[in-house]
Amino acid sequence: MKLRKVSPGKIKIPDVRIKGVFDEETKQLLAESMNGMGQIAPIICCEIDGELVLVDGENRLETASRAHWPVIDVAVIDGDMSDVLTRNLFLDHIRGKHTPGQMLKVIETLWKDYRMDSEAIAKKTGLKRDYIEQFQLLSVLTPMVRAALDEDRIKLGHAVALAKIKDPVQQEVVFQQLTLYRWGVAELRDFISQVLAAMGPADQPPLPIVERGPLVAKCFYCGEVLPIAQISNPNTCAGCASVLLQSIATARAQIQAEIEAEKAKNAEKSGQSST
């Protein structure tokens, strides 16, 4: 390990990482502490191809940047990008100040991009193998459900239960029901067991997952972002809500499939005309 003084602007922050979640009061306390006492502990970076990549200390780095510090103390350790992610995973996980969605992104990147299986990740992070494999199962979650996990609107147990539903349309239908009725994890598991028993074997492969942007104010049934004046909240029984959600989700998936098919058709025509 080597200690350096480095300009905050020269430190690269990876797109995928775990970051301690600070509220505004905690951020202010950190800023006051650093301004009054200076930097007590250095941030940690790996040097990769001549570039310093952040491992730990993003909140301290951001605080120093906002205060226009010319330099910040950095502890430089050896390693590659997989080491950056695994050490970040270990250091921030033991502090417990992050969402399960952040954990999922880091573990999925290590697994899919860096070809590390659960045993290799466990060995480098100190996390239990079955705990890591639990997150690997969540790769089937739709963008809507992943966003809820990332924003801490559902618990890890809810996400694990929802991951048992492989069909993206049905998964989002059950997720919307979870949001509406605010089930606990045990209640959701029981309901999903009934759903899977009723679904039986799939007759066709699931439709592709549709990427969605961030949701602000949306219609509960169709998911469209609308002005508040156009949003109403009718009383709906559980049976009707289930039928409405299933019908709307299926229709949206069919429309998306038709759009994708039309795009593919136009792309093929364009390719033929260019030749």
C-alpha atoms as a PDB file:
ATOM      1  CA  MET A   1       0.000   0.000   0.000  1.00  0.00           C
ATOM      2  CA  LYS A   2       1.286   3.451  -0.939  1.00  0.00           C
ATOM      3  CA  LEU A   3       0.018   6.800   0.358  1.00  0.00           C
ATOM      4  CA  ARG A   4      -0.358   9.673  -2.102  1.00  0.00           C
ATOM      5  CA  LYS A   5      -1.900  13.118  -2.293  1.00  0.00           C
ATOM      6  CA  VAL A   6      -4.042  13.325  -5.437  1.00  0.00           C
ATOM      7  CA  SER A   7      -6.413  15.859  -6.972  1.00  0.00           C
ATOM      8  CA  PRO A   8     -10.011  14.622  -6.404  1.00  0.00           C
ATOM      9  CA  GLY A   9     -10.801  15.209 -10.079  1.00  0.00           C
ATOM     10  CA  LYS A  10      -8.187  12.658 -11.174  1.00  0.00           C
ATOM     11  CA  ILE A  11      -9.869   9.725  -9.404  1.00  0.00           C
ATOM     12  CA  LYS A  12     -12.214   7.577 -11.482  1.00  0.00           C
ATOM     13  CA  ILE A  13     -15.446   6.336  -9.896  1.00  0.00           C
ATOM     14  CA  PRO A  14     -16.689   3.043 -11.443  1.00  0.00           C
ATOM     15  CA  ASP A  15     -20.228   3.049 -12.822  1.00  0.00           C
ATOM     16  CA  VAL A  16     -21.087  -0.111 -10.865  1.00  0.00           C
ATOM     17  CA  ARG A  17     -20.269  -0.050  -7.150  1.00  0.00           C
ATOM     18  CA  ILE A  18     -21.743   0.033  -3.663  1.00  0.00           C
ATOM     19  CA  LYS A  19     -21.966   3.450  -2.036  1.00  0.00           C
ATOM     20  CA  GLY A  20     -22.863   4.243   1.557  1.00  0.00           C
ATOM     21  CA  VAL A  21     -26.296   5.891   1.692  1.00  0.00           C
ATOM     22  CA  PHE A  22     -26.103   9.204   3.586  1.00  0.00           C
ATOM     23  CA  ASP A  23     -29.070  11.454   4.303  1.00  0.00           C
ATOM     24  CA  GLU A  24     -28.634  15.229   4.031  1.00  0.00           C
ATOM     25  CA  GLU A  25     -27.950  15.636   7.760  1.00  0.00           C
ATOM     26  CA  THR A  26     -25.195  12.993   7.684  1.00  0.00           C
ATOM     27  CA  LYS A  27     -23.646  14.583   4.588  1.00  0.00           C
ATOM     28  CA  GLN A  28     -23.569  17.914   6.391  1.00  0.00           C
ATOM     29  CA  LEU A  29     -21.946  16.354   9.464  1.00  0.00           C
ATOM     30  CA  LEU A  30     -19.296  14.717   7.256  1.00  0.00           C
ATOM     31  CA  ALA A  31     -18.575  18.031   5.524  1.00  0.00           C
ATOM     32  CA  GLU A  32     -18.267  19.867   8.857  1.00  0.00           C
ATOM     33  CA  SER A  33     -15.993  17.146  10.242  1.00  0.00           C
ATOM     34  CA  MET A  34     -13.678  17.182   7.207  1.00  0.00           C
ATOM     35  CA  ASN A  35     -13.574  20.968   7.097  1.00  0.00           C
ATOM     36  CA  GLY A  36     -12.797  21.187  10.821  1.00  0.00           C
ATOM     37  CA  MET A  37     -10.501  18.215  11.411  1.00  0.00           C
ATOM     38  CA  GLY A  38      -9.306  17.442   7.893  1.00  0.00           C
ATOM     39  CA  GLN A  39      -9.241  13.988   6.350  1.00  0.00           C
ATOM     40  CA  ILE A  40      -8.736  11.430   9.131  1.00  0.00           C
ATOM     41  CA  ALA A  41      -8.734   8.290   6.943  1.00  0.00           C
ATOM     42  CA  PRO A  42      -7.508   8.117   3.316  1.00  0.00           C
ATOM     43  CA  ILE A  43      -9.772   6.907   0.561  1.00  0.00           C
ATOM     44  CA  ILE A  44      -8.695   3.662  -1.127  1.00  0.00           C
ATOM     45  CA  CYS A  45      -7.933   3.262  -4.840  1.00  0.00           C
ATOM     46  CA  CYS A  46      -6.419   0.707  -7.205  1.00  0.00           C
ATOM     47  CA  GLU A  47      -4.018   1.890  -9.893  1.00  0.00           C
ATOM     48  CA  ILE A  48      -5.070   0.328 -13.195  1.00  0.00           C
ATOM     49  CA  ASP A  49      -3.264   1.233 -16.432  1.00  0.00           C
ATOM     50  CA  GLY A  50      -1.936   4.407 -14.853  1.00  0.00           C
ATOM     51  CA  GLU A  51      -5.369   5.525 -13.620  1.00  0.00           C
ATOM     52  CA  LEU A  52      -6.570   5.645 -10.010  1.00  0.00           C
ATOM     53  CA  VAL A  53      -9.913   3.829  -9.655  1.00  0.00           C
ATOM     54  CA  LEU A  54     -11.931   4.298  -6.466  1.00  0.00           C
ATOM     55  CA  VAL A  55     -12.434   1.300  -4.177  1.00  0.00           C
ATOM     56  CA  ASP A  56     -13.709   2.922  -0.978  1.00  0.00           C
ATOM     57  CA  GLY A  57     -14.522   6.449   0.218  1.00  0.00           C
ATOM     58  CA  GLU A  58     -16.890   7.919  -2.399  1.00  0.00           C
ATOM     59  CA  ASN A  59     -18.709  10.144   0.100  1.00  0.00           C
ATOM     60  CA  ARG A  60     -15.389  11.558   1.396  1.00  0.00           C
ATOM     61  CA  LEU A  61     -14.236  12.095  -2.199  1.00  0.00           C
ATOM     62  CA  GLU A  62     -17.457  13.928  -3.104  1.00  0.00           C
ATOM     63  CA  THR A  63     -17.215  16.064   0.025  1.00  0.00           C
ATOM     64  CA  ALA A  64     -13.636  17.063  -0.829  1.00  0.00           C
ATOM     65  CA  SER A  65     -14.655  17.854  -4.420  1.00  0.00           C
ATOM     66  CA  ARG A  66     -17.555  20.059  -3.308  1.00  0.00           C
ATOM     67  CA  ALA A  67     -15.214  21.916  -0.944  1.00  0.00           C
ATOM     68  CA  HIS A  68     -12.684  22.354  -3.798  1.00  0.00           C
ATOM     69  CA  TRP A  69      -9.839  20.631  -1.969  1.00  0.00           C
ATOM     70  CA  PRO A  70      -6.734  20.720  -4.179  1.00  0.00           C
ATOM     71  CA  VAL A  71      -5.650  17.237  -3.038  1.00  0.00           C
ATOM     72  CA  ILE A  72      -7.004  14.315  -1.024  1.00  0.00           C
ATOM     73  CA  ASP A  73      -5.112  11.519   0.767  1.00  0.00           C
ATOM     74  CA  VAL A  74      -5.257   8.239  -1.148  1.00  0.00           C
ATOM     75  CA  ALA A  75      -4.114   4.746  -0.141  1.00  0.00           C
ATOM     76  CA  VAL A  76      -3.142   3.015  -3.387  1.00  0.00           C
ATOM     77  CA  ILE A  77      -3.342  -0.788  -3.451  1.00  0.00           C
ATOM     78  CA  ASP A  78      -2.568  -3.335  -6.146  1.00  0.00           C
ATOM     79  CA  GLY A  79      -5.340  -4.982  -8.145  1.00  0.00           C
ATOM     80  CA  ASP A  80      -7.489  -5.034 -11.271  1.00  0.00           C
ATOM     81  CA  MET A  81     -11.155  -4.136 -11.834  1.00  0.00           C
ATOM     82  CA  SER A  82     -12.381  -7.380 -10.294  1.00  0.00           C
ATOM     83  CA  ASP A  83     -10.387  -6.469  -7.167  1.00  0.00           C
ATOM     84  CA  VAL A  84     -11.946  -2.992  -7.189  1.00  0.00           C
ATOM     85  CA  LEU A  85     -15.435  -4.479  -7.164  1.00  0.00           C
ATOM     86  CA  THR A  86     -14.829  -7.289  -4.681  1.00  0.00           C
ATOM     87  CA  ARG A  87     -13.071  -5.012  -2.181  1.00  0.00           C
ATOM     88  CA  ASN A  88     -15.774  -2.385  -2.574  1.00  0.00           C
ATOM     89  CA  LEU A  89     -18.366  -5.125  -2.007  1.00  0.00           C
ATOM     90  CA  PHE A  90     -16.619  -6.319   1.146  1.00  0.00           C
ATOM     91  CA  LEU A  91     -15.851  -2.935   2.708  1.00  0.00           C
ATOM     92  CA  ASP A  92     -19.265  -1.353   2.160  1.00  0.00           C
ATOM     93  CA  HIS A  93     -21.281  -4.495   2.867  1.00  0.00           C
ATOM     94  CA  ILE A  94     -19.906  -4.811   6.410  1.00  0.00           C
ATOM     95  CA  ARG A  95     -21.047  -1.233   7.086  1.00  0.00           C
ATOM     96  CA  GLY A  96     -24.583  -2.149   6.025  1.00  0.00           C
ATOM     97  CA  LYS A  97     -25.456   1.227   4.471  1.00  0.00           C
ATOM     98  CA  HIS A  98     -26.598   0.354   0.972  1.00  0.00           C
ATOM     99  CA  THR A  99     -29.580  -1.115  -0.879  1.00  0.00           C
ATOM    100  CA  PRO A 100     -29.857  -4.728  -2.083  1.00  0.00           C
ATOM    101  CA  GLY A 101     -30.109  -3.317  -5.613  1.00  0.00           C
ATOM    102  CA  GLN A 102     -26.525  -2.042  -5.393  1.00  0.00           C
ATOM    103  CA  MET A 103     -25.368  -5.466  -4.199  1.00  0.00           C
ATOM    104  CA  LEU A 104     -27.133  -7.086  -7.155  1.00  0.00           C
ATOM    105  CA  LYS A 105     -25.404  -4.828  -9.697  1.00  0.00           C
ATOM    106  CA  VAL A 106     -21.919  -5.502  -8.318  1.00  0.00           C
ATOM    107  CA  ILE A 107     -22.388  -9.271  -7.973  1.00  0.00           C
ATOM    108  CA  GLU A 108     -23.948  -9.508 -11.438  1.00  0.00           C
ATOM    109  CA  THR A 109     -21.014  -7.578 -12.950  1.00  0.00           C
ATOM    110  CA  LEU A 110     -18.468  -9.848 -11.257  1.00  0.00           C
ATOM    111  CA  TRP A 111     -20.393 -12.936 -12.352  1.00  0.00           C
ATOM    112  CA  LYS A 112     -21.207 -12.004 -15.950  1.00  0.00           C
ATOM    113  CA  ASP A 113     -18.451  -9.563 -16.975  1.00  0.00           C
ATOM    114  CA  TYR A 114     -15.504 -10.930 -14.997  1.00  0.00           C
ATOM    115  CA  ARG A 115     -16.532 -14.631 -15.119  1.00  0.00           C
ATOM    116  CA  MET A 116     -16.339 -15.110 -11.354  1.00  0.00           C
ATOM    117  CA  ASP A 117     -18.571 -17.841  -9.926  1.00  0.00           C
ATOM    118  CA  SER A 118     -20.126 -17.676  -6.461  1.00  0.00           C
ATOM    119  CA  GLU A 119     -17.214 -19.529  -4.877  1.00  0.00           C
ATOM    120  CA  ALA A 120     -14.645 -17.087  -6.293  1.00  0.00           C
ATOM    121  CA  ILE A 121     -16.708 -14.061  -5.212  1.00  0.00           C
ATOM    122  CA  ALA A 122     -17.181 -15.538  -1.741  1.00  0.00           C
ATOM    123  CA  LYS A 123     -13.445 -16.166  -1.387  1.00  0.00           C
ATOM    124  CA  LYS A 124     -12.551 -12.570  -2.275  1.00  0.00           C
ATOM    125  CA  THR A 125     -15.300 -10.841  -0.295  1.00  0.00           C
ATOM    126  CA  GLY A 126     -15.761 -13.043   2.766  1.00  0.00           C
ATOM    127  CA  LEU A 127     -19.503 -13.267   2.028  1.00  0.00           C
ATOM    128  CA  LYS A 128     -21.256 -16.624   2.266  1.00  0.00           C
ATOM    129  CA  ARG A 129     -21.617 -18.517  -0.989  1.00  0.00           C
ATOM    130  CA  ASP A 130     -25.357 -19.164  -0.608  1.00  0.00           C
ATOM    131  CA  TYR A 131     -25.877 -15.434   0.065  1.00  0.00           C
ATOM    132  CA  ILE A 132     -24.132 -14.566  -3.222  1.00  0.00           C
ATOM    133  CA  GLU A 133     -26.080 -17.230  -5.117  1.00  0.00           C
ATOM    134  CA  GLN A 134     -29.275 -15.683  -3.803  1.00  0.00           C
ATOM    135  CA  PHE A 135     -28.378 -12.487  -5.661  1.00  0.00           C
ATOM    136  CA  GLN A 136     -27.422 -14.427  -8.810  1.00  0.00           C
ATOM    137  CA  LEU A 137     -30.977 -15.781  -8.929  1.00  0.00           C
ATOM    138  CA  LEU A 138     -32.245 -12.186  -9.150  1.00  0.00           C
ATOM    139  CA  SER A 139     -30.844 -11.705 -12.673  1.00  0.00           C
ATOM    140  CA  VAL A 140     -34.292 -12.670 -14.060  1.00  0.00           C
ATOM    141  CA  LEU A 141     -35.982  -9.650 -12.454  1.00  0.00           C
ATOM    142  CA  THR A 142     -37.537  -7.160 -14.874  1.00  0.00           C
ATOM    143  CA  PRO A 143     -36.279  -3.536 -14.939  1.00  0.00           C
ATOM    144  CA  MET A 144     -39.399  -2.428 -13.027  1.00  0.00           C
ATOM    145  CA  VAL A 145     -38.778  -4.860 -10.176  1.00  0.00           C
ATOM    146  CA  ARG A 146     -35.019  -4.184 -10.149  1.00  0.00           C
ATOM    147  CA  ALA A 147     -35.731  -0.454  -9.825  1.00  0.00           C
ATOM    148  CA  ALA A 148     -37.948  -1.120  -6.801  1.00  0.00           C
ATOM    149  CA  LEU A 149     -35.175  -3.186  -5.203  1.00  0.00           C
ATOM    150  CA  ASP A 150     -32.550  -0.549  -6.013  1.00  0.00           C
ATOM    151  CA  GLU A 151     -34.732   2.190  -4.485  1.00  0.00           C
ATOM    152  CA  ASP A 152     -35.363   0.031  -1.393  1.00  0.00           C
ATOM    153  CA  ARG A 153     -39.122  -0.074  -2.031  1.00  0.00           C
ATOM    154  CA  ILE A 154     -39.110  -3.863  -1.660  1.00  0.00           C
ATOM    155  CA  LYS A 155     -37.001  -6.132   0.549  1.00  0.00           C
ATOM    156  CA  LEU A 156     -34.511  -8.738  -0.643  1.00  0.00           C
ATOM    157  CA  GLY A 157     -36.958 -11.460   0.396  1.00  0.00           C
ATOM    158  CA  HIS A 158     -39.636  -9.967  -1.856  1.00  0.00           C
ATOM    159  CA  ALA A 159     -37.191  -9.905  -4.792  1.00  0.00           C
ATOM    160  CA  VAL A 160     -36.121 -13.531  -4.254  1.00  0.00           C
ATOM    161  CA  ALA A 161     -39.764 -14.603  -4.222  1.00  0.00           C
ATOM    162  CA  LEU A 162     -40.557 -12.613  -7.391  1.00  0.00           C
ATOM    163  CA  ALA A 163     -37.539 -14.145  -9.168  1.00  0.00           C
ATOM    164  CA  LYS A 164     -39.317 -17.504  -9.061  1.00  0.00           C
ATOM    165  CA  ILE A 165     -41.703 -16.131 -11.699  1.00  0.00           C
ATOM    166  CA  LYS A 166     -39.732 -16.362 -14.946  1.00  0.00           C
ATOM    167  CA  ASP A 167     -42.402 -14.845 -17.196  1.00  0.00           C
ATOM    168  CA  PRO A 168     -41.759 -11.052 -17.153  1.00  0.00           C
ATOM    169  CA  VAL A 169     -45.420 -10.134 -17.677  1.00  0.00           C
ATOM    170  CA  GLN A 170     -46.650 -12.279 -14.797  1.00  0.00           C
ATOM    171  CA  GLN A 171     -43.754 -11.137 -12.619  1.00  0.00           C
ATOM    172  CA  GLU A 172     -44.732  -7.494 -13.033  1.00  0.00           C
ATOM    173  CA  VAL A 173     -48.412  -8.312 -12.437  1.00  0.00           C
ATOM    174  CA  VAL A 174     -47.547  -9.889  -9.082  1.00  0.00           C
ATOM    175  CA  PHE A 175     -45.172  -7.011  -8.286  1.00  0.00           C
ATOM    176  CA  GLN A 176     -47.988  -4.514  -8.838  1.00  0.00           C
ATOM    177  CA  GLN A 177     -50.231  -6.550  -6.552  1.00  0.00           C
ATOM    178  CA  LEU A 178     -47.465  -6.578  -3.939  1.00  0.00           C
ATOM    179  CA  THR A 179     -47.258  -2.788  -4.215  1.00  0.00           C
ATOM    180  CA  LEU A 180     -51.031  -2.439  -3.922  1.00  0.00           C
ATOM    181  CA  TYR A 181     -51.612  -4.783  -0.982  1.00  0.00           C
ATOM    182  CA  ARG A 182     -48.260  -4.288   0.787  1.00  0.00           C
ATOM    183  CA  TRP A 183     -47.744  -7.962   1.502  1.00  0.00           C
ATOM    184  CA  GLY A 184     -44.987  -9.174   3.782  1.00  0.00           C
ATOM    185  CA  VAL A 185     -42.427 -11.635   2.431  1.00  0.00           C
ATOM    186  CA  ALA A 186     -44.304 -14.681   3.782  1.00  0.00           C
ATOM    187  CA  GLU A 187     -47.614 -13.509   2.285  1.00  0.00           C
ATOM    188  CA  LEU A 188     -45.951 -12.898  -1.095  1.00  0.00           C
ATOM    189  CA  ARG A 189     -44.353 -16.361  -1.089  1.00  0.00           C
ATOM    190  CA  ASP A 190     -47.720 -17.987  -0.418  1.00  0.00           C
ATOM    191  CA  PHE A 191     -49.375 -16.004  -3.203  1.00  0.00           C
ATOM    192  CA  ILE A 192     -46.599 -16.801  -5.686  1.00  0.00           C
ATOM    193  CA  SER A 193     -46.907 -20.503  -4.874  1.00  0.00           C
ATOM    194  CA  GLN A 194     -50.568 -20.273  -5.890  1.00  0.00           C
ATOM    195  CA  VAL A 195     -49.694 -18.302  -9.044  1.00  0.00           C
ATOM    196  CA  LEU A 196     -47.051 -20.820 -10.158  1.00  0.00           C
ATOM    197  CA  ALA A 197     -49.397 -23.720  -9.517  1.00  0.00           C
ATOM    198  CA  ALA A 198     -52.076 -22.037 -11.633  1.00  0.00           C
ATOM    199  CA  MET A 199     -49.687 -21.101 -14.464  1.00  0.00           C
ATOM    200  CA  GLY A 200     -48.441 -24.634 -15.146  1.00  0.00           C
ATOM    201  CA  PRO A 201     -45.746 -25.218 -17.798  1.00  0.00           C
ATOM    202  CA  ALA A 202     -45.065 -22.367 -20.227  1.00  0.00           C
ATOM    203  CA  ASP A 203     -46.304 -22.924 -23.774  1.00  0.00           C
ATOM    204  CA  GLN A 204     -43.961 -20.407 -25.326  1.00  0.00           C
ATOM    205  CA  PRO A 205     -40.771 -18.545 -24.425  1.00  0.00           C
ATOM    206  CA  PRO A 206     -41.234 -15.302 -22.484  1.00  0.00           C
ATOM    207  CA  LEU A 207     -41.426 -12.026 -24.350  1.00  0.00           C
ATOM    208  CA  PRO A 208     -38.343  -9.784 -24.208  1.00  0.00           C
ATOM    209  CA  ILE A 209     -38.057  -7.482 -21.203  1.00  0.00           C
ATOM    210  CA  VAL A 210     -38.858  -3.879 -22.068  1.00  0.00           C
ATOM    211  CA  GLU A 211     -36.372  -1.288 -20.805  1.00  0.00           C
ATOM    212  CA  ARG A 212     -38.163   1.539 -18.998  1.00  0.00           C
ATOM    213  CA  GLY A 213     -37.008   4.898 -17.816  1.00  0.00           C
ATOM    214  CA  PRO A 214     -37.402   6.120 -14.230  1.00  0.00           C
ATOM    215  CA  LEU A 215     -41.031   6.300 -13.048  1.00  0.00           C
ATOM    216  CA  VAL A 216     -42.268   9.458 -11.384  1.00  0.00           C
ATOM    217  CA  ALA A 217     -46.077   9.578 -11.241  1.00  0.00           C
ATOM    218  CA  LYS A 218     -47.632   6.680 -13.073  1.00  0.00           C
ATOM    219  CA  CYS A 219     -50.943   4.974 -13.694  1.00  0.00           C
ATOM    220  CA  PHE A 220     -51.050   1.913 -11.441  1.00  0.00           C
ATOM    221  CA  TYR A 221     -52.559  -0.286 -14.182  1.00  0.00           C
ATOM    222  CA  CYS A 222     -50.729   0.720 -17.374  1.00  0.00           C
ATOM    223  CA  GLY A 223     -47.584   2.305 -15.939  1.00  0.00           C
ATOM    224  CA  GLU A 224     -47.847   5.449 -18.107  1.00  0.00           C
ATOM    225  CA  VAL A 225     -46.326   8.607 -16.598  1.00  0.00           C
ATOM    226  CA  LEU A 226     -49.071  11.225 -16.488  1.00  0.00           C
ATOM    227  CA  PRO A 227     -49.774  14.632 -14.936  1.00  0.00           C
ATOM    228  CA  ILE A 228     -51.145  14.345 -11.395  1.00  0.00           C
ATOM    229  CA  ALA A 229     -54.480  15.781 -12.564  1.00  0.00           C
ATOM    230  CA  GLN A 230     -54.989  12.728 -14.767  1.00  0.00           C
ATOM    231  CA  ILE A 231     -54.286  10.223 -11.980  1.00  0.00           C
ATOM    232  CA  SER A 232     -57.269   8.790 -10.053  1.00  0.00           C
ATOM    233  CA  ASN A 233     -57.521   6.074  -7.429  1.00  0.00           C
ATOM    234  CA  PRO A 234     -60.687   3.971  -7.890  1.00  0.00           C
ATOM    235  CA  ASN A 235     -61.563   1.310  -5.328  1.00  0.00           C
ATOM    236  CA  THR A 236     -60.795  -2.091  -6.847  1.00  0.00           C
ATOM    237  CA  CYS A 237     -61.262  -5.529  -5.306  1.00  0.00           C
ATOM    238  CA  ALA A 238     -58.427  -8.069  -5.411  1.00  0.00           C
ATOM    239  CA  GLY A 239     -60.113 -10.163  -8.093  1.00  0.00           C
ATOM    240  CA  CYS A 240     -60.759  -7.263 -10.473  1.00  0.00           C
ATOM    241  CA  ALA A 241     -57.285  -5.831  -9.890  1.00  0.00           C
ATOM    242  CA  SER A 242     -55.727  -9.158 -10.813  1.00  0.00           C
ATOM    243  CA  VAL A 243     -57.766  -9.421 -14.028  1.00  0.00           C
ATOM    244  CA  LEU A 244     -57.053  -5.809 -15.019  1.00  0.00           C
ATOM    245  CA  LEU A 245     -53.332  -6.075 -14.346  1.00  0.00           C
ATOM    246  CA  GLN A 246     -53.018  -9.344 -16.247  1.00  0.00           C
ATOM    247  CA  SER A 247     -54.931  -7.998 -19.257  1.00  0.00           C
ATOM    248  CA  ILE A 248     -53.024  -4.722 -19.397  1.00  0.00           C
ATOM    249  CA  ALA A 249     -49.601  -6.320 -18.941  1.00  0.00           C
ATOM    250  CA  THR A 250     -50.322  -8.887 -21.639  1.00  0.00           C
ATOM    251  CA  ALA A 251     -51.568  -6.212 -24.056  1.00  0.00           C
ATOM    252  CA  ARG A 252     -48.500  -4.039 -23.458  1.00  0.00           C
ATOM    253  CA  ALA A 253     -46.180  -6.978 -24.036  1.00  0.00           C
ATOM    254  CA  GLN A 254     -47.966  -7.847 -27.293  1.00  0.00           C
ATOM    255  CA  ILE A 255     -47.736  -4.236 -28.510  1.00  0.00           C
ATOM    256  CA  GLN A 256     -44.018  -4.153 -27.714  1.00  0.00           C
ATOM    257  CA  ALA A 257     -43.470  -7.434 -29.537  1.00  0.00           C
ATOM    258  CA  GLU A 258     -45.221  -6.016 -32.611  1.00  0.00           C
ATOM    259  CA  ILE A 259     -43.064  -2.872 -32.452  1.00  0.00           C
ATOM    260  CA  GLU A 260     -39.868  -4.955 -32.236  1.00  0.00           C
ATOM    261  CA  ALA A 261     -41.026  -7.127 -35.129  1.00  0.00           C
ATOM    262  CA  GLU A 262     -41.716  -4.032 -37.238  1.00  0.00           C
ATOM    263  CA  LYS A 263     -38.265  -2.624 -36.397  1.00  0.00           C
ATOM    264  CA  ALA A 264     -36.626  -5.889 -37.423  1.00  0.00           C
ATOM    265  CA  LYS A 265     -38.604  -5.917 -40.661  1.00  0.00           C
ATOM    266  CA  ASN A 266     -37.598  -2.333 -41.492  1.00  0.00           C
ATOM    267  CA  ALA A 267     -33.955  -3.095 -40.659  1.00  0.00           C
ATOM    268  CA  GLU A 268     -34.038  -6.069 -43.021  1.00  0.00           C
ATOM    269  CA  LYS A 269     -35.532  -3.962 -45.815  1.00  0.00           C
ATOM    270  CA  SER A 270     -32.895  -1.294 -45.224  1.00  0.00           C
ATOM    271  CA  GLY A 271     -30.142  -3.887 -45.454  1.00  0.00           C
ATOM    272  CA  GLN A 272     -31.516  -5.257 -48.707  1.00  0.00           C
ATOM    273  CA  SER A 273     -31.833  -1.805 -50.272  1.00  0.00           C
ATOM    274  CA  SER A 274     -28.247  -0.907 -49.355  1.00  0.00           C
ATOM    275  CA  THR A 275     -26.936  -3.970 -51.189  1.00  0.00           C
END
